[in-house]
Amino acid sequence: MRWWRWIAGMLTGAVAALGMVATPAYSGTYYLAVDVPAGLGGTDFGPNQIVRSDDAVYAPEAELPPGTEIAALHLRPEGLWLFSPSHAVTLGGATYEPRDIVTWDGVTYSAFLQGSAGGIPSYARIDALFLDSGAPVLSFDVPVDLGGTEYSSSDLVRYVGTGAFSLYWNAEAAGVPATTNVVGAARDGAGTLVVSFDVPTNLGGIEYLPGQLVRWSGSAFGSYFVDPSWPPYARLRDFTFAPAAGAIPDGAGVPGSPLTLASAGGNLTLTWGTSCRTGDSDYEIYEGILGSYYSHTAKLCSTGGATAWTFPLPSGSTYYLVVPRNARREGSYGRRSSGEEIPPPSGACLVQEVATVCP
């Protein structure tokens, strides 16, 4: 045969023992804002800037107009930013309050959630933000009454509709003292809840400092990432991870229509089901030489969102991998029979970050 269909991913259940393995410290990219002008890694950043951290190597990612201070931050898979301002600010002709969530594509601003219409009182400022299945999960700078229920400044609250909220994470039950405020929260690609605090906070005998990312396992806290050179005068004002991407159906662990190939009229057509992550809006195609496994290189870095692609039959024996992607990251290339991820090549279309939780 001149071509070969490779459907990788005979899952072996190797992930079953993950809960028994110590989780290493995070090593990767996240985005953050600071409350005051701060020197990070030798570069000064202001409260209106979104800063990228790659293992504590900092670089400017985006910048809001001077006078705008970011209080809460989230990056959506399609590349849009969500943020809440720390003070009322006029952007693009509209005024946004600290209880609002604003969408920004780098040019245009629009309201994602208008706090006054949603039932958030005027005295409360959103100071942590992420999305859970499209719904905002929020924390506030002060204890707040929402729909007749009192939440602490460290609780995470899910907005479920106009005037309706539910408790997402109970900080007091987790052991967070009342003197501490959660000022940052996000879930990583594995679904781990990560938070940051406004003041040094002792949890389980370990002191966590402002600027440090702290994981919650469901029963205990642990260090997720710490920059030893973080300036003591600066507080982190929320953070967000680069959104991880998923996998296409593989006939085993990922349900749906797996990759199929058809030859007709001198052309080859690849067809596959949609990614297990709803935020993945596009796909890449990699081609390799049959018999020389993991020789794949990028053939196409975007299908424009299409789940089928036709091209002339190759001259030799080849195999193909389809990889889902979002605006920032590419996902899984499939799995080997051992259950391990098939590795990306050098010169991949995007940096890979595979979500371990699908969807």
Protein backbone atom coordinates (compact mmCIF):
# COMPACT_ATOMS: atom_id res chain seq x y z
CA MET A 1 0.00 0.00 0.00
CA ARG A 2 1.22 3.51 -0.78
CA TRP A 3 -0.28 4.93 2.34
CA TRP A 4 -1.23 3.71 5.74
CA ARG A 5 -3.75 4.82 8.28
CA TRP A 6 -2.36 5.09 11.78
CA ILE A 7 -4.96 5.28 14.50
CA ALA A 8 -2.84 5.55 17.59
CA GLY A 9 -4.16 5.14 21.06
CA MET A 10 -4.79 1.68 22.40
CA LEU A 11 -5.23 2.97 25.91
CA THR A 12 -3.90 0.59 28.51
CA GLY A 13 -5.16 2.24 31.65
CA ALA A 14 -1.70 3.48 32.52
CA VAL A 15 -3.21 6.61 33.99
CA ALA A 16 -4.94 4.65 36.73
CA ALA A 17 -1.97 4.97 39.04
CA LEU A 18 -1.50 8.73 38.61
CA GLY A 19 -2.99 9.50 42.00
CA MET A 20 -0.18 7.51 43.63
CA VAL A 21 2.64 9.43 41.94
CA ALA A 22 4.09 12.65 43.35
CA THR A 23 3.27 15.56 41.05
CA PRO A 24 6.35 17.49 39.93
CA ALA A 25 6.58 21.26 40.11
CA TYR A 26 5.00 23.02 37.17
CA SER A 27 7.32 23.81 34.29
CA GLY A 28 5.66 25.80 31.57
CA THR A 29 3.91 28.96 30.52
CA TYR A 30 1.40 31.06 32.35
CA TYR A 31 0.26 34.68 32.09
CA LEU A 32 -0.12 37.13 34.98
CA ALA A 33 -0.63 40.70 36.07
CA VAL A 34 0.82 42.62 39.03
CA ASP A 35 -0.71 45.17 41.38
CA VAL A 36 2.13 47.73 41.23
CA PRO A 37 5.04 48.41 38.87
CA ALA A 38 7.30 45.44 39.48
CA GLY A 39 10.69 44.24 38.37
CA LEU A 40 10.42 40.63 37.21
CA GLY A 41 13.53 38.93 35.91
CA GLY A 42 15.25 42.24 35.39
CA THR A 43 12.38 43.84 33.42
CA ASP A 44 9.86 46.33 34.78
CA PHE A 45 6.16 45.64 34.22
CA GLY A 46 3.12 47.76 35.04
CA PRO A 47 -0.37 46.87 36.31
CA ASN A 48 -1.79 47.45 32.82
CA GLN A 49 0.38 44.73 31.25
CA ILE A 50 -0.22 41.03 30.72
CA VAL A 51 3.06 39.29 31.43
CA ARG A 52 4.14 35.91 30.11
CA SER A 53 6.18 33.66 32.38
CA ASP A 54 8.17 30.74 30.98
CA ASP A 55 9.74 29.16 34.06
CA ALA A 56 10.18 32.64 35.58
CA VAL A 57 11.59 34.12 32.37
CA TYR A 58 9.26 37.08 31.92
CA ALA A 59 8.22 38.90 28.76
CA PRO A 60 5.44 41.36 27.85
CA GLU A 61 2.50 39.62 26.20
CA ALA A 62 -0.08 42.43 25.83
CA GLU A 63 -0.70 45.90 27.16
CA LEU A 64 -3.89 47.72 28.04
CA PRO A 65 -4.13 51.54 27.90
CA PRO A 66 -2.24 53.47 30.62
CA GLY A 67 -4.35 53.92 33.74
CA THR A 68 -6.01 50.54 33.30
CA GLU A 69 -5.13 48.10 36.07
CA ILE A 70 -5.90 44.40 35.70
CA ALA A 71 -7.58 42.76 38.69
CA ALA A 72 -8.60 39.42 37.16
CA LEU A 73 -7.45 37.62 34.03
CA HIS A 74 -8.30 34.62 31.84
CA LEU A 75 -7.17 33.47 28.38
CA ARG A 76 -9.74 31.68 26.24
CA PRO A 77 -8.74 28.93 23.77
CA GLU A 78 -9.58 31.08 20.77
CA GLY A 79 -7.03 33.65 21.98
CA LEU A 80 -9.43 36.21 23.49
CA TRP A 81 -8.58 37.77 26.84
CA LEU A 82 -11.08 38.19 29.64
CA PHE A 83 -10.24 40.64 32.41
CA SER A 84 -11.75 42.72 35.17
CA PRO A 85 -10.35 46.21 35.89
CA SER A 86 -9.30 47.09 39.41
CA HIS A 87 -10.99 50.50 39.05
CA ALA A 88 -13.71 51.87 36.80
CA VAL A 89 -12.23 52.58 33.38
CA THR A 90 -13.51 53.72 29.99
CA LEU A 91 -12.36 51.56 27.09
CA GLY A 92 -13.62 51.86 23.53
CA GLY A 93 -16.24 54.38 24.61
CA ALA A 94 -17.78 52.14 27.31
CA THR A 95 -17.17 52.30 31.05
CA TYR A 96 -16.41 49.08 32.88
CA GLU A 97 -16.54 48.56 36.64
CA PRO A 98 -14.45 46.26 38.85
CA ARG A 99 -17.46 43.91 39.04
CA ASP A 100 -17.54 43.54 35.23
CA ILE A 101 -15.76 41.07 32.96
CA VAL A 102 -14.42 42.52 29.72
CA THR A 103 -13.55 40.67 26.51
CA TRP A 104 -10.53 41.96 24.59
CA ASP A 105 -9.12 40.68 21.30
CA GLY A 106 -6.15 43.03 21.38
CA VAL A 107 -8.13 45.84 19.73
CA THR A 108 -11.83 45.78 20.61
CA TYR A 109 -13.46 45.70 24.04
CA SER A 110 -16.89 44.30 24.86
CA ALA A 111 -18.82 43.23 27.95
CA PHE A 112 -18.66 39.52 28.75
CA LEU A 113 -20.47 39.94 32.07
CA GLN A 114 -22.01 43.16 33.33
CA GLY A 115 -21.84 42.84 37.11
CA SER A 116 -24.71 45.21 37.87
CA ALA A 117 -27.07 43.21 35.65
CA GLY A 118 -25.69 39.90 36.93
CA GLY A 119 -26.38 40.62 40.60
CA ILE A 120 -22.85 41.49 41.78
CA PRO A 121 -22.99 44.36 44.31
CA SER A 122 -21.11 47.58 43.57
CA TYR A 123 -18.78 47.21 46.56
CA ALA A 124 -17.24 43.98 45.25
CA ARG A 125 -14.31 43.71 42.86
CA ILE A 126 -13.62 40.55 40.89
CA ASP A 127 -10.02 39.59 41.68
CA ALA A 128 -9.83 36.04 40.30
CA LEU A 129 -11.45 34.61 37.20
CA PHE A 130 -11.58 31.53 35.01
CA LEU A 131 -14.20 29.71 32.97
CA ASP A 132 -15.76 26.36 33.82
CA SER A 133 -17.59 24.91 30.81
CA GLY A 134 -18.07 28.48 29.64
CA ALA A 135 -19.40 29.78 32.96
CA PRO A 136 -17.37 32.34 34.94
CA VAL A 137 -15.85 31.21 38.24
CA LEU A 138 -15.08 34.25 40.37
CA SER A 139 -13.46 35.36 43.59
CA PHE A 140 -13.88 38.79 45.14
CA ASP A 141 -11.73 41.21 47.12
CA VAL A 142 -14.19 41.32 50.04
CA PRO A 143 -16.85 39.06 51.55
CA VAL A 144 -19.87 39.40 49.31
CA ASP A 145 -23.59 38.63 49.41
CA LEU A 146 -24.74 37.02 46.17
CA GLY A 147 -28.36 36.01 45.80
CA GLY A 148 -28.80 35.99 49.57
CA THR A 149 -25.74 33.81 50.27
CA GLU A 150 -22.59 35.17 51.89
CA TYR A 151 -19.27 34.17 50.37
CA SER A 152 -15.82 34.89 51.75
CA SER A 153 -13.13 36.79 49.86
CA SER A 154 -11.32 33.48 49.25
CA ASP A 155 -14.27 31.41 48.07
CA LEU A 156 -14.64 30.62 44.38
CA VAL A 157 -18.16 31.22 43.13
CA ARG A 158 -19.67 30.04 39.86
CA TYR A 159 -21.99 32.41 38.03
CA VAL A 160 -24.89 30.31 36.77
CA GLY A 161 -27.23 33.03 35.48
CA THR A 162 -28.63 36.44 36.25
CA GLY A 163 -28.61 36.82 40.03
CA ALA A 164 -27.79 33.12 40.50
CA PHE A 165 -24.50 31.82 41.91
CA SER A 166 -23.23 28.59 43.42
CA LEU A 167 -20.25 27.73 45.59
CA TYR A 168 -17.47 26.29 43.42
CA TRP A 169 -14.74 25.96 46.06
CA ASN A 170 -15.06 26.48 49.80
CA ALA A 171 -11.83 28.13 50.94
CA GLU A 172 -12.59 27.91 54.66
CA ALA A 173 -13.33 24.19 54.42
CA ALA A 174 -10.01 23.76 52.58
CA GLY A 175 -8.21 25.49 55.45
CA VAL A 176 -7.60 28.98 54.06
CA PRO A 177 -7.61 31.44 57.01
CA ALA A 178 -10.08 34.33 57.05
CA THR A 179 -7.17 36.81 56.97
CA THR A 180 -6.11 35.59 53.52
CA ASN A 181 -7.64 36.61 50.21
CA VAL A 182 -7.42 34.47 47.09
CA VAL A 183 -6.24 36.86 44.35
CA GLY A 184 -5.65 34.37 41.57
CA ALA A 185 -7.24 31.12 40.44
CA ALA A 186 -7.13 28.86 37.39
CA ARG A 187 -7.30 25.22 36.35
CA ASP A 188 -4.41 23.74 34.41
CA GLY A 189 -4.59 21.26 31.55
CA ALA A 190 -4.89 18.40 34.02
CA GLY A 191 -7.84 20.05 35.74
CA THR A 192 -5.82 20.89 38.86
CA LEU A 193 -7.08 23.91 40.79
CA VAL A 194 -4.28 26.42 41.33
CA VAL A 195 -4.60 29.56 43.46
CA SER A 196 -2.48 32.43 44.76
CA PHE A 197 -2.80 34.53 47.92
CA ASP A 198 -2.43 38.21 48.78
CA VAL A 199 -0.40 37.69 51.97
CA PRO A 200 2.00 35.03 53.32
CA THR A 201 -0.26 32.13 54.27
CA ASN A 202 0.56 29.08 56.36
CA LEU A 203 -1.26 25.96 55.22
CA GLY A 204 -0.42 22.58 56.69
CA GLY A 205 2.77 23.96 58.20
CA ILE A 206 4.06 25.37 54.89
CA GLU A 207 4.32 29.09 54.25
CA TYR A 208 3.11 30.22 50.82
CA LEU A 209 4.07 33.70 49.63
CA PRO A 210 2.37 36.27 47.39
CA GLY A 211 3.33 35.61 43.78
CA GLN A 212 3.55 31.86 44.39
CA LEU A 213 1.18 29.43 42.66
CA VAL A 214 -0.36 26.90 45.04
CA ARG A 215 -2.11 23.68 44.00
CA TRP A 216 -5.17 22.18 45.70
CA SER A 217 -5.31 18.40 45.36
CA GLY A 218 -8.81 18.11 46.78
CA SER A 219 -7.47 17.35 50.23
CA ALA A 220 -4.20 19.28 50.63
CA PHE A 221 -2.19 22.23 49.36
CA GLY A 222 1.23 22.05 47.73
CA SER A 223 3.58 24.34 45.84
CA TYR A 224 2.80 24.50 42.14
CA PHE A 225 5.32 27.10 41.03
CA VAL A 226 7.50 29.60 42.88
CA ASP A 227 9.93 32.20 41.61
CA PRO A 228 12.51 32.68 44.39
CA SER A 229 13.31 36.16 43.03
CA TRP A 230 9.69 37.38 43.10
CA PRO A 231 9.80 40.94 44.58
CA PRO A 232 8.28 41.05 48.09
CA TYR A 233 6.56 44.40 47.43
CA ALA A 234 4.47 43.07 44.51
CA ARG A 235 1.32 41.02 44.56
CA LEU A 236 0.19 38.84 41.71
CA ARG A 237 -3.16 39.97 40.38
CA ASP A 238 -4.52 36.79 38.94
CA PHE A 239 -2.97 34.47 36.39
CA THR A 240 -4.08 32.16 33.60
CA PHE A 241 -2.55 29.21 31.82
CA ALA A 242 -2.06 28.75 28.12
CA PRO A 243 -5.16 26.71 27.23
CA ALA A 244 -4.34 23.06 26.63
CA ALA A 245 -5.66 21.24 23.55
CA GLY A 246 -7.25 17.81 23.33
CA ALA A 247 -7.30 14.80 21.02
CA ILE A 248 -9.33 13.56 18.10
CA PRO A 249 -11.31 10.30 18.45
CA ASP A 250 -9.02 7.27 18.46
CA GLY A 251 -11.42 4.33 18.55
CA ALA A 252 -10.56 3.71 22.20
CA GLY A 253 -10.35 6.30 24.98
CA VAL A 254 -11.58 9.28 22.97
CA PRO A 255 -15.10 8.65 21.66
CA GLY A 256 -16.28 9.66 18.21
CA SER A 257 -15.34 8.95 14.60
CA PRO A 258 -11.62 8.10 14.35
CA LEU A 259 -9.35 9.06 11.49
CA THR A 260 -10.13 7.34 8.20
CA LEU A 261 -8.54 7.59 4.77
CA ALA A 262 -10.01 7.12 1.29
CA SER A 263 -8.31 7.10 -2.10
CA ALA A 264 -10.10 8.21 -5.28
CA GLY A 265 -9.14 9.90 -8.50
CA GLY A 266 -5.50 10.21 -7.56
CA ASN A 267 -6.34 11.97 -4.33
CA LEU A 268 -6.27 10.99 -0.68
CA THR A 269 -8.98 12.21 1.70
CA LEU A 270 -8.56 12.22 5.48
CA THR A 271 -11.69 12.44 7.62
CA TRP A 272 -11.91 12.56 11.42
CA GLY A 273 -14.20 13.46 14.31
CA THR A 274 -14.00 16.66 16.32
CA SER A 275 -11.63 17.15 19.24
CA CYS A 276 -12.67 16.14 22.72
CA ARG A 277 -11.99 19.76 23.81
CA THR A 278 -14.67 22.19 22.73
CA GLY A 279 -12.14 25.04 22.67
CA ASP A 280 -10.18 23.37 19.88
CA SER A 281 -11.30 25.09 16.70
CA ASP A 282 -8.72 23.91 14.17
CA TYR A 283 -6.57 20.94 13.13
CA GLU A 284 -3.07 20.18 11.89
CA ILE A 285 -1.97 17.31 9.63
CA TYR A 286 1.39 15.61 10.03
CA GLU A 287 2.91 13.20 7.51
CA GLY A 288 5.61 10.58 8.10
CA ILE A 289 7.34 7.77 6.24
CA LEU A 290 5.80 4.36 6.84
CA GLY A 291 8.32 2.14 8.60
CA SER A 292 10.22 5.13 9.97
CA TYR A 293 7.92 5.86 12.87
CA TYR A 294 7.97 9.28 14.48
CA SER A 295 9.41 10.70 11.27
CA HIS A 296 6.32 12.87 10.88
CA THR A 297 6.61 16.54 9.96
CA ALA A 298 3.99 19.22 9.50
CA LYS A 299 2.09 18.90 6.22
CA LEU A 300 -0.64 21.41 7.12
CA CYS A 301 -0.82 23.67 10.17
CA SER A 302 -4.47 24.63 9.72
CA THR A 303 -7.50 23.13 8.04
CA GLY A 304 -9.54 26.22 8.81
CA GLY A 305 -11.57 24.13 11.23
CA ALA A 306 -12.49 21.49 8.64
CA THR A 307 -12.59 17.85 9.77
CA ALA A 308 -11.70 16.50 6.32
CA TRP A 309 -8.87 17.28 3.92
CA THR A 310 -8.08 16.12 0.38
CA PHE A 311 -4.67 16.24 -1.31
CA PRO A 312 -2.81 14.35 -4.07
CA LEU A 313 -1.72 10.81 -3.25
CA PRO A 314 1.87 10.75 -2.00
CA SER A 315 4.52 9.03 -4.09
CA GLY A 316 5.72 6.78 -1.27
CA SER A 317 4.34 4.88 1.70
CA THR A 318 3.24 7.36 4.33
CA TYR A 319 1.29 7.65 7.55
CA TYR A 320 -0.74 10.57 8.87
CA LEU A 321 -1.58 12.10 12.22
CA VAL A 322 -4.26 14.71 12.82
CA VAL A 323 -3.68 16.99 15.81
CA PRO A 324 -6.30 19.38 17.23
CA ARG A 325 -5.28 22.90 18.16
CA ASN A 326 -6.52 26.12 19.66
CA ALA A 327 -5.10 29.61 19.20
CA ARG A 328 -2.07 28.95 21.42
CA ARG A 329 -1.40 25.23 21.75
CA GLU A 330 -1.61 21.96 19.84
CA GLY A 331 -2.88 18.78 21.41
CA SER A 332 -2.36 15.05 21.19
CA TYR A 333 -0.77 13.23 18.24
CA GLY A 334 -2.38 10.03 19.53
CA ARG A 335 -0.95 7.34 21.74
CA ARG A 336 1.38 4.42 21.25
CA SER A 337 0.17 0.93 22.14
CA SER A 338 1.99 1.40 25.46
CA GLY A 339 -0.31 4.31 26.26
CA GLU A 340 2.41 6.96 25.93
CA GLU A 341 1.85 10.07 23.86
CA ILE A 342 3.32 10.04 20.35
CA PRO A 343 6.00 12.76 20.40
CA PRO A 344 5.78 15.96 18.37
CA PRO A 345 8.55 16.66 15.86
CA SER A 346 10.98 19.53 15.95
CA GLY A 347 9.44 22.35 13.99
CA ALA A 348 5.88 21.51 15.09
CA CYS A 349 3.12 23.95 14.16
CA LEU A 350 2.61 25.05 17.78
CA VAL A 351 3.94 24.30 21.23
CA GLN A 352 2.22 21.16 22.50
CA GLU A 353 0.20 21.11 25.69
CA VAL A 354 -2.16 18.17 25.97
CA ALA A 355 -5.16 18.39 28.24
CA THR A 356 -5.33 15.34 30.46
CA VAL A 357 -8.99 16.07 31.11
CA CYS A 358 -11.28 15.71 28.08
CA PRO A 359 -13.60 17.45 27.71
